[in-house]
C-alpha atoms as a PDB file:
ATOM      1  CA  UNK A   1      94.069 112.655  90.397  1.00  0.00           C
ATOM      2  CA  UNK A   2      92.393 114.539  93.501  1.00  0.00           C
ATOM      3  CA  UNK A   3      93.846 117.865  92.422  1.00  0.00           C
ATOM      4  CA  UNK A   4      92.027 117.912  88.918  1.00  0.00           C
ATOM      5  CA  UNK A   5      89.034 120.330  88.444  1.00  0.00           C
ATOM      6  CA  UNK A   6      87.186 117.164  87.278  1.00  0.00           C
ATOM      7  CA  UNK A   7      87.073 113.311  87.397  1.00  0.00           C
ATOM      8  CA  UNK A   8      88.840 111.634  84.671  1.00  0.00           C
ATOM      9  CA  UNK A   9      87.153 108.343  83.932  1.00  0.00           C
ATOM     10  CA  UNK A  10      88.709 107.250  80.610  1.00  0.00           C
ATOM     11  CA  UNK A  11      92.197 108.147  79.495  1.00  0.00           C
ATOM     12  CA  UNK A  12      94.713 106.633  77.145  1.00  0.00           C
ATOM     13  CA  UNK A  13      98.520 106.612  76.771  1.00  0.00           C
ATOM     14  CA  UNK A  14     101.159 104.163  77.904  1.00  0.00           C
ATOM     15  CA  UNK A  15     103.139 106.144  80.689  1.00  0.00           C
ATOM     16  CA  UNK A  16     101.581 105.516  84.257  1.00  0.00           C
ATOM     17  CA  UNK A  17     104.045 108.017  86.064  1.00  0.00           C
ATOM     18  CA  UNK A  18     104.395 111.757  85.415  1.00  0.00           C
ATOM     19  CA  UNK A  19     107.453 112.081  82.747  1.00  0.00           C
ATOM     20  CA  UNK A  20     109.604 114.493  84.935  1.00  0.00           C
ATOM     21  CA  UNK A  21     113.079 114.597  83.394  1.00  0.00           C
ATOM     22  CA  UNK A  22     114.264 112.202  85.817  1.00  0.00           C
ATOM     23  CA  UNK A  23     111.471 109.956  85.498  1.00  0.00           C
ATOM     24  CA  UNK A  24     111.637 109.892  81.769  1.00  0.00           C
ATOM     25  CA  UNK A  25     115.448 108.922  81.806  1.00  0.00           C
ATOM     26  CA  UNK A  26     114.904 106.239  84.093  1.00  0.00           C
ATOM     27  CA  UNK A  27     111.968 104.965  82.046  1.00  0.00           C
ATOM     28  CA  UNK A  28     114.232 104.992  78.942  1.00  0.00           C
ATOM     29  CA  UNK A  29     117.111 103.480  80.721  1.00  0.00           C
ATOM     30  CA  UNK A  30     114.842 100.679  81.814  1.00  0.00           C
ATOM     31  CA  UNK A  31     113.049  99.687  78.714  1.00  0.00           C
ATOM     32  CA  UNK A  32     115.747  97.496  77.414  1.00  0.00           C
ATOM     33  CA  UNK A  33     115.759  95.261  80.597  1.00  0.00           C
ATOM     34  CA  UNK A  34     112.136  95.643  80.975  1.00  0.00           C
ATOM     35  CA  UNK A  35     111.328  94.001  77.680  1.00  0.00           C
ATOM     36  CA  UNK A  36     113.559  91.151  78.375  1.00  0.00           C
ATOM     37  CA  UNK A  37     111.814  90.566  81.597  1.00  0.00           C
ATOM     38  CA  UNK A  38     108.659  91.080  80.051  1.00  0.00           C
ATOM     39  CA  UNK A  39     109.501  88.300  77.699  1.00  0.00           C
ATOM     40  CA  UNK A  40     110.695  86.009  80.587  1.00  0.00           C
ATOM     41  CA  UNK A  41     107.415  86.567  82.489  1.00  0.00           C
ATOM     42  CA  UNK A  42     105.242  85.908  79.731  1.00  0.00           C
ATOM     43  CA  UNK A  43     107.064  82.681  78.639  1.00  0.00           C
ATOM     44  CA  UNK A  44     106.732  81.644  82.495  1.00  0.00           C
ATOM     45  CA  UNK A  45     102.890  82.095  82.316  1.00  0.00           C
ATOM     46  CA  UNK A  46     102.671  80.660  78.825  1.00  0.00           C
ATOM     47  CA  UNK A  47     104.759  77.384  79.259  1.00  0.00           C
ATOM     48  CA  UNK A  48     104.671  76.522  82.705  1.00  0.00           C
ATOM     49  CA  UNK A  49     101.754  74.525  84.384  1.00  0.00           C
ATOM     50  CA  UNK A  50      99.094  76.639  85.866  1.00  0.00           C
ATOM     51  CA  UNK A  51      99.934  75.428  89.783  1.00  0.00           C
ATOM     52  CA  UNK A  52     103.534  76.871  89.127  1.00  0.00           C
ATOM     53  CA  UNK A  53     102.802  80.117  87.686  1.00  0.00           C
ATOM     54  CA  UNK A  54     101.874  81.665  90.934  1.00  0.00           C
ATOM     55  CA  UNK A  55     105.421  80.898  92.168  1.00  0.00           C
ATOM     56  CA  UNK A  56     107.075  81.479  89.035  1.00  0.00           C
ATOM     57  CA  UNK A  57     105.423  85.408  88.619  1.00  0.00           C
ATOM     58  CA  UNK A  58     106.677  85.799  92.615  1.00  0.00           C
ATOM     59  CA  UNK A  59     110.272  84.598  91.659  1.00  0.00           C
ATOM     60  CA  UNK A  60     110.113  87.123  88.488  1.00  0.00           C
ATOM     61  CA  UNK A  61     109.216  90.180  90.635  1.00  0.00           C
ATOM     62  CA  UNK A  62     105.323  89.744  89.888  1.00  0.00           C
ATOM     63  CA  UNK A  63     103.183  90.052  93.121  1.00  0.00           C
ATOM     64  CA  UNK A  64      99.973  88.098  93.137  1.00  0.00           C
ATOM     65  CA  UNK A  65      97.899  88.843  95.926  1.00  0.00           C
ATOM     66  CA  UNK A  66      94.939  86.250  96.783  1.00  0.00           C
ATOM     67  CA  UNK A  67      92.183  87.300  98.928  1.00  0.00           C
ATOM     68  CA  UNK A  68      88.776  85.118 100.064  1.00  0.00           C
ATOM     69  CA  UNK A  69      88.221  81.850  99.605  1.00  0.00           C
ATOM     70  CA  UNK A  70      88.521  80.388  96.115  1.00  0.00           C
ATOM     71  CA  UNK A  71      85.709  77.978  95.231  1.00  0.00           C
ATOM     72  CA  UNK A  72      86.555  74.276  94.477  1.00  0.00           C
ATOM     73  CA  UNK A  73      87.052  73.034  91.006  1.00  0.00           C
ATOM     74  CA  UNK A  74      83.470  72.450  89.082  1.00  0.00           C
ATOM     75  CA  UNK A  75      82.690  68.594  89.579  1.00  0.00           C
ATOM     76  CA  UNK A  76      81.439  66.244  87.048  1.00  0.00           C
ATOM     77  CA  UNK A  77      78.065  65.375  88.621  1.00  0.00           C
ATOM     78  CA  UNK A  78      75.311  65.136  86.164  1.00  0.00           C
ATOM     79  CA  UNK A  79      73.293  68.216  85.855  1.00  0.00           C
ATOM     80  CA  UNK A  80      75.919  70.608  87.508  1.00  0.00           C
ATOM     81  CA  UNK A  81      77.555  73.291  85.566  1.00  0.00           C
ATOM     82  CA  UNK A  82      80.731  74.972  86.009  1.00  0.00           C
ATOM     83  CA  UNK A  83      81.154  78.303  88.103  1.00  0.00           C
ATOM     84  CA  UNK A  84      81.053  81.553  86.245  1.00  0.00           C
ATOM     85  CA  UNK A  85      83.367  83.945  87.848  1.00  0.00           C
ATOM     86  CA  UNK A  86      82.068  87.479  87.073  1.00  0.00           C
ATOM     87  CA  UNK A  87      85.322  89.704  87.223  1.00  0.00           C
ATOM     88  CA  UNK A  88      85.807  93.446  87.177  1.00  0.00           C
ATOM     89  CA  UNK A  89      88.293  94.247  84.329  1.00  0.00           C
ATOM     90  CA  UNK A  90      91.593  95.934  84.563  1.00  0.00           C
ATOM     91  CA  UNK A  91      93.825  94.486  82.001  1.00  0.00           C
ATOM     92  CA  UNK A  92      93.483  91.666  79.342  1.00  0.00           C
ATOM     93  CA  UNK A  93      95.424  89.695  81.614  1.00  0.00           C
ATOM     94  CA  UNK A  94      92.491  89.290  84.308  1.00  0.00           C
ATOM     95  CA  UNK A  95      91.548  85.656  83.509  1.00  0.00           C
ATOM     96  CA  UNK A  96      95.224  84.506  83.499  1.00  0.00           C
ATOM     97  CA  UNK A  97      95.829  85.975  87.160  1.00  0.00           C
ATOM     98  CA  UNK A  98      92.434  84.656  88.165  1.00  0.00           C
ATOM     99  CA  UNK A  99      93.708  81.148  86.760  1.00  0.00           C
ATOM    100  CA  UNK A 100      97.115  81.583  88.673  1.00  0.00           C
ATOM    101  CA  UNK A 101      94.984  82.361  91.955  1.00  0.00           C
ATOM    102  CA  UNK A 102      93.247  79.232  91.659  1.00  0.00           C
ATOM    103  CA  UNK A 103      96.024  77.049  90.232  1.00  0.00           C
ATOM    104  CA  UNK A 104      94.253  75.784  87.373  1.00  0.00           C
ATOM    105  CA  UNK A 105      93.537  76.983  84.005  1.00  0.00           C
ATOM    106  CA  UNK A 106      90.067  78.611  83.635  1.00  0.00           C
ATOM    107  CA  UNK A 107      88.475  79.434  80.199  1.00  0.00           C
ATOM    108  CA  UNK A 108      87.622  83.084  79.345  1.00  0.00           C
ATOM    109  CA  UNK A 109      85.226  84.784  76.800  1.00  0.00           C
ATOM    110  CA  UNK A 110      86.585  88.028  75.336  1.00  0.00           C
ATOM    111  CA  UNK A 111      85.097  90.895  73.265  1.00  0.00           C
ATOM    112  CA  UNK A 112      88.154  91.689  71.472  1.00  0.00           C
ATOM    113  CA  UNK A 113      91.847  90.075  71.806  1.00  0.00           C
ATOM    114  CA  UNK A 114      94.507  90.279  69.254  1.00  0.00           C
ATOM    115  CA  UNK A 115      95.922  87.466  67.250  1.00  0.00           C
ATOM    116  CA  UNK A 116      99.435  87.605  69.304  1.00  0.00           C
ATOM    117  CA  UNK A 117      97.687  87.523  72.674  1.00  0.00           C
ATOM    118  CA  UNK A 118      95.591  84.619  71.596  1.00  0.00           C
ATOM    119  CA  UNK A 119      98.850  83.132  70.642  1.00  0.00           C
ATOM    120  CA  UNK A 120     100.411  83.667  73.937  1.00  0.00           C
ATOM    121  CA  UNK A 121      97.496  82.896  76.199  1.00  0.00           C
ATOM    122  CA  UNK A 122      97.882  79.962  78.592  1.00  0.00           C
ATOM    123  CA  UNK A 123      94.304  79.477  78.955  1.00  0.00           C
ATOM    124  CA  UNK A 124      91.516  79.166  76.400  1.00  0.00           C
ATOM    125  CA  UNK A 125      89.954  82.148  75.013  1.00  0.00           C
ATOM    126  CA  UNK A 126      86.774  82.224  73.266  1.00  0.00           C
ATOM    127  CA  UNK A 127      85.645  85.466  71.210  1.00  0.00           C
ATOM    128  CA  UNK A 128      82.262  86.864  71.666  1.00  0.00           C
ATOM    129  CA  UNK A 129      80.188  87.569  68.537  1.00  0.00           C
ATOM    130  CA  UNK A 130      78.093  90.502  70.019  1.00  0.00           C
ATOM    131  CA  UNK A 131      74.986  88.439  68.820  1.00  0.00           C
ATOM    132  CA  UNK A 132      72.998  88.022  71.995  1.00  0.00           C
ATOM    133  CA  UNK A 133      71.698  84.355  70.897  1.00  0.00           C
ATOM    134  CA  UNK A 134      74.824  83.135  69.753  1.00  0.00           C
ATOM    135  CA  UNK A 135      76.793  84.164  72.719  1.00  0.00           C
ATOM    136  CA  UNK A 136      74.194  82.672  75.222  1.00  0.00           C
ATOM    137  CA  UNK A 137      74.635  79.447  73.533  1.00  0.00           C
ATOM    138  CA  UNK A 138      78.318  79.506  73.520  1.00  0.00           C
ATOM    139  CA  UNK A 139      78.859  80.475  77.094  1.00  0.00           C
ATOM    140  CA  UNK A 140      76.036  77.809  78.182  1.00  0.00           C
ATOM    141  CA  UNK A 141      78.094  75.226  76.218  1.00  0.00           C
ATOM    142  CA  UNK A 142      81.397  76.474  77.937  1.00  0.00           C
ATOM    143  CA  UNK A 143      79.654  76.176  81.453  1.00  0.00           C
ATOM    144  CA  UNK A 144      78.841  72.621  80.923  1.00  0.00           C
ATOM    145  CA  UNK A 145      82.355  71.868  80.112  1.00  0.00           C
ATOM    146  CA  UNK A 146      83.742  73.604  83.123  1.00  0.00           C
ATOM    147  CA  UNK A 147      84.457  76.893  84.974  1.00  0.00           C
ATOM    148  CA  UNK A 148      84.338  80.155  83.042  1.00  0.00           C
ATOM    149  CA  UNK A 149      85.765  83.763  83.535  1.00  0.00           C
ATOM    150  CA  UNK A 150      83.765  86.816  81.920  1.00  0.00           C
ATOM    151  CA  UNK A 151      84.497  90.472  82.627  1.00  0.00           C
ATOM    152  CA  UNK A 152      80.759  92.099  82.150  1.00  0.00           C
ATOM    153  CA  UNK A 153      82.116  95.156  81.747  1.00  0.00           C
ATOM    154  CA  UNK A 154      83.215  94.460  78.184  1.00  0.00           C
ATOM    155  CA  UNK A 155      86.390  96.700  78.329  1.00  0.00           C
ATOM    156  CA  UNK A 156      88.944  97.857  80.964  1.00  0.00           C
ATOM    157  CA  UNK A 157      89.173 100.984  82.997  1.00  0.00           C
ATOM    158  CA  UNK A 158      92.083 102.353  84.705  1.00  0.00           C
ATOM    159  CA  UNK A 159      90.656 104.498  87.266  1.00  0.00           C
ATOM    160  CA  UNK A 160      88.787 103.383  90.429  1.00  0.00           C
ATOM    161  CA  UNK A 161      85.028 103.176  88.525  1.00  0.00           C
ATOM    162  CA  UNK A 162      83.299 100.086  87.249  1.00  0.00           C
ATOM    163  CA  UNK A 163      81.598 100.435  83.906  1.00  0.00           C
ATOM    164  CA  UNK A 164      78.085  99.001  83.524  1.00  0.00           C
ATOM    165  CA  UNK A 165      77.687  95.251  83.927  1.00  0.00           C
ATOM    166  CA  UNK A 166      76.236  93.492  80.911  1.00  0.00           C
ATOM    167  CA  UNK A 167      73.140  91.306  82.301  1.00  0.00           C
ATOM    168  CA  UNK A 168      73.587  88.391  79.754  1.00  0.00           C
ATOM    169  CA  UNK A 169      75.819  86.282  82.074  1.00  0.00           C
ATOM    170  CA  UNK A 170      72.975  86.405  84.800  1.00  0.00           C
ATOM    171  CA  UNK A 171      70.284  84.776  82.847  1.00  0.00           C
ATOM    172  CA  UNK A 172      72.594  81.643  81.969  1.00  0.00           C
ATOM    173  CA  UNK A 173      73.633  80.386  85.228  1.00  0.00           C
ATOM    174  CA  UNK A 174      73.213  80.820  88.940  1.00  0.00           C
ATOM    175  CA  UNK A 175      76.455  79.512  89.676  1.00  0.00           C
ATOM    176  CA  UNK A 176      77.968  82.929  90.028  1.00  0.00           C
ATOM    177  CA  UNK A 177      81.043  83.976  92.085  1.00  0.00           C
ATOM    178  CA  UNK A 178      81.973  87.829  91.803  1.00  0.00           C
ATOM    179  CA  UNK A 179      85.586  88.475  91.803  1.00  0.00           C
ATOM    180  CA  UNK A 180      87.427  91.723  92.244  1.00  0.00           C
ATOM    181  CA  UNK A 181      90.368  92.292  90.280  1.00  0.00           C
ATOM    182  CA  UNK A 182      92.800  95.228  90.993  1.00  0.00           C
ATOM    183  CA  UNK A 183      95.986  95.795  89.316  1.00  0.00           C
ATOM    184  CA  UNK A 184      99.030  98.136  90.279  1.00  0.00           C
ATOM    185  CA  UNK A 185     101.516  99.438  87.529  1.00  0.00           C
ATOM    186  CA  UNK A 186     104.100 101.837  88.651  1.00  0.00           C
ATOM    187  CA  UNK A 187     105.707 102.888  84.994  1.00  0.00           C
ATOM    188  CA  UNK A 188     103.510 101.564  82.076  1.00  0.00           C
ATOM    189  CA  UNK A 189      99.581 100.902  81.366  1.00  0.00           C
ATOM    190  CA  UNK A 190      99.028  97.712  80.493  1.00  0.00           C
ATOM    191  CA  UNK A 191      95.961  98.744  78.263  1.00  0.00           C
ATOM    192  CA  UNK A 192      95.080 100.975  75.586  1.00  0.00           C
ATOM    193  CA  UNK A 193      92.223 101.972  73.211  1.00  0.00           C
ATOM    194  CA  UNK A 194      94.234 103.562  70.224  1.00  0.00           C
ATOM    195  CA  UNK A 195      97.521 101.664  70.182  1.00  0.00           C
ATOM    196  CA  UNK A 196      98.265  98.027  69.178  1.00  0.00           C
ATOM    197  CA  UNK A 197      96.613  95.714  71.734  1.00  0.00           C
ATOM    198  CA  UNK A 198      98.870  92.730  70.927  1.00  0.00           C
ATOM    199  CA  UNK A 199     101.665  94.823  73.148  1.00  0.00           C
ATOM    200  CA  UNK A 200      99.370  95.273  76.386  1.00  0.00           C
ATOM    201  CA  UNK A 201     100.688  92.079  78.125  1.00  0.00           C
ATOM    202  CA  UNK A 202     104.395  93.235  77.105  1.00  0.00           C
ATOM    203  CA  UNK A 203     103.786  96.764  78.702  1.00  0.00           C
ATOM    204  CA  UNK A 204     102.190  95.355  81.838  1.00  0.00           C
ATOM    205  CA  UNK A 205     104.993  92.860  82.649  1.00  0.00           C
ATOM    206  CA  UNK A 206     107.708  95.688  81.644  1.00  0.00           C
ATOM    207  CA  UNK A 207     106.772  97.147  84.849  1.00  0.00           C
ATOM    208  CA  UNK A 208     109.570  96.649  87.480  1.00  0.00           C
ATOM    209  CA  UNK A 209     106.865  95.168  90.095  1.00  0.00           C
ATOM    210  CA  UNK A 210     103.453  94.923  88.942  1.00  0.00           C
ATOM    211  CA  UNK A 211     100.894  93.758  91.363  1.00  0.00           C
ATOM    212  CA  UNK A 212      97.765  92.073  90.912  1.00  0.00           C
ATOM    213  CA  UNK A 213      95.253  91.465  93.781  1.00  0.00           C
ATOM    214  CA  UNK A 214      92.365  88.634  93.007  1.00  0.00           C
ATOM    215  CA  UNK A 215      89.496  89.055  95.768  1.00  0.00           C
ATOM    216  CA  UNK A 216      87.109  85.972  95.737  1.00  0.00           C
ATOM    217  CA  UNK A 217      83.786  87.044  97.257  1.00  0.00           C
ATOM    218  CA  UNK A 218      81.161  84.763  98.337  1.00  0.00           C
ATOM    219  CA  UNK A 219      79.017  82.784  95.671  1.00  0.00           C
ATOM    220  CA  UNK A 220      75.756  84.649  94.868  1.00  0.00           C
ATOM    221  CA  UNK A 221      72.964  83.363  97.138  1.00  0.00           C
ATOM    222  CA  UNK A 222      70.390  81.574  95.244  1.00  0.00           C
ATOM    223  CA  UNK A 223      67.487  84.050  96.052  1.00  0.00           C
ATOM    224  CA  UNK A 224      69.622  86.763  94.274  1.00  0.00           C
ATOM    225  CA  UNK A 225      69.573  84.800  91.185  1.00  0.00           C
ATOM    226  CA  UNK A 226      67.538  84.767  88.042  1.00  0.00           C
ATOM    227  CA  UNK A 227      66.521  81.280  87.831  1.00  0.00           C
ATOM    228  CA  UNK A 228      66.238  80.350  91.540  1.00  0.00           C
ATOM    229  CA  UNK A 229      65.385  83.901  92.916  1.00  0.00           C
ATOM    230  CA  UNK A 230      63.269  84.882  89.906  1.00  0.00           C
ATOM    231  CA  UNK A 231      65.290  88.330  89.825  1.00  0.00           C
ATOM    232  CA  UNK A 232      65.596  90.198  86.555  1.00  0.00           C
ATOM    233  CA  UNK A 233      69.075  89.925  85.082  1.00  0.00           C
ATOM    234  CA  UNK A 234      69.659  93.502  84.924  1.00  0.00           C
ATOM    235  CA  UNK A 235      69.048  93.625  88.755  1.00  0.00           C
ATOM    236  CA  UNK A 236      71.613  90.815  89.269  1.00  0.00           C
ATOM    237  CA  UNK A 237      74.176  92.478  87.387  1.00  0.00           C
ATOM    238  CA  UNK A 238      73.799  95.651  89.151  1.00  0.00           C
ATOM    239  CA  UNK A 239      73.939  93.861  92.556  1.00  0.00           C
ATOM    240  CA  UNK A 240      77.236  92.236  91.566  1.00  0.00           C
ATOM    241  CA  UNK A 241      78.396  95.598  89.966  1.00  0.00           C
ATOM    242  CA  UNK A 242      77.905  97.379  93.271  1.00  0.00           C
ATOM    243  CA  UNK A 243      79.242  94.566  95.443  1.00  0.00           C
ATOM    244  CA  UNK A 244      82.633  94.361  93.620  1.00  0.00           C
ATOM    245  CA  UNK A 245      82.742  98.193  93.910  1.00  0.00           C
ATOM    246  CA  UNK A 246      82.316  98.394  97.616  1.00  0.00           C
ATOM    247  CA  UNK A 247      85.006  95.767  97.899  1.00  0.00           C
ATOM    248  CA  UNK A 248      87.539  97.863  95.903  1.00  0.00           C
ATOM    249  CA  UNK A 249      86.252 101.146  97.050  1.00  0.00           C
ATOM    250  CA  UNK A 250      85.469 102.154  93.424  1.00  0.00           C
ATOM    251  CA  UNK A 251      82.314 103.810  92.080  1.00  0.00           C
ATOM    252  CA  UNK A 252      79.858 102.395  89.887  1.00  0.00           C
ATOM    253  CA  UNK A 253      78.902 104.275  86.588  1.00  0.00           C
ATOM    254  CA  UNK A 254      76.615 103.467  83.853  1.00  0.00           C
ATOM    255  CA  UNK A 255      79.156 103.917  81.259  1.00  0.00           C
ATOM    256  CA  UNK A 256      79.700 101.207  78.476  1.00  0.00           C
ATOM    257  CA  UNK A 257      82.422 100.123  76.284  1.00  0.00           C
ATOM    258  CA  UNK A 258      81.049 101.953  73.490  1.00  0.00           C
ATOM    259  CA  UNK A 259      81.234 105.141  75.654  1.00  0.00           C
ATOM    260  CA  UNK A 260      84.818 104.558  76.315  1.00  0.00           C
ATOM    261  CA  UNK A 261      86.054 104.054  72.613  1.00  0.00           C
ATOM    262  CA  UNK A 262      84.048 106.621  71.196  1.00  0.00           C
ATOM    263  CA  UNK A 263      85.592 109.117  73.671  1.00  0.00           C
ATOM    264  CA  UNK A 264      89.293 107.813  73.190  1.00  0.00           C
ATOM    265  CA  UNK A 265      89.307 106.291  69.656  1.00  0.00           C
ATOM    266  CA  UNK A 266      86.462 107.807  67.752  1.00  0.00           C
ATOM    267  CA  UNK A 267      84.864 104.404  67.265  1.00  0.00           C
ATOM    268  CA  UNK A 268      82.613 101.879  68.630  1.00  0.00           C
ATOM    269  CA  UNK A 269      85.701  99.559  69.979  1.00  0.00           C
ATOM    270  CA  UNK A 270      84.538  96.764  67.492  1.00  0.00           C
ATOM    271  CA  UNK A 271      87.609  94.951  66.249  1.00  0.00           C
ATOM    272  CA  UNK A 272      87.196  93.209  62.907  1.00  0.00           C
ATOM    273  CA  UNK A 273      88.702  89.726  62.572  1.00  0.00           C
ATOM    274  CA  UNK A 274      89.795  88.925  59.128  1.00  0.00           C
ATOM    275  CA  UNK A 275      89.268  85.424  58.116  1.00  0.00           C
ATOM    276  CA  UNK A 276      92.452  83.623  57.035  1.00  0.00           C
ATOM    277  CA  UNK A 277      92.898  83.257  53.500  1.00  0.00           C
ATOM    278  CA  UNK A 278      92.685  79.435  52.161  1.00  0.00           C
ATOM    279  CA  UNK A 279      94.917  78.345  49.828  1.00  0.00           C
ATOM    280  CA  UNK A 280      93.758  77.386  46.312  1.00  0.00           C
END
């Protein structure tokens, strides 16, 4: 990337390595075994209890590196809400690896998720409607039930950049823990803008030895929150973006999900979910 004339922030395609003749041959030869291995890894994540997933991933060649001090599970004290984990977004597997690092399932809100990914997910996933009032009410209700993971960028980014953080989450709770997520894939990218998103987890787990690093940062101080500190929501969101970027040595941008999908797919990145037909 350092040899390019201009910085590349958005790009698509599945190959994560330069397709030299030797690399292309090895990739083709690896695909059958890699797909079987991906199915085993996905089955382990979907079927095993979450406290065991961390060790199962290690046994199957998926490294999960945990840094920082994970907060304890949200208590049932009256008037207390769950912790909101504000994560950088590398793949749709971010909440699952967050749960594996915590040793317990954490619900997640998503902007778009394929039916297949929803079926395979070992954690609860809830779709955002893109209606600010509706989404705020839903997130508030989920926080009352327990901890919640959210990726304020709204879409994944492959390169060392962070997209603009949506400020909605900052308005709803002061119990915010920033989490710096980082993934490393050597053969296939586990994200796509134009392809079938249902294959994203398969491509990620088809990598021979993928690595996920989960870094828990300190809980946001009360003086830097909206309710207790009186800070504007966009200021809180921008602060968390800069904090995560500094942790990962990434660059902050003002680009959004819409910018990414317009550049790569020619649309706004909105996935229409067709309602299931009811039997007459």
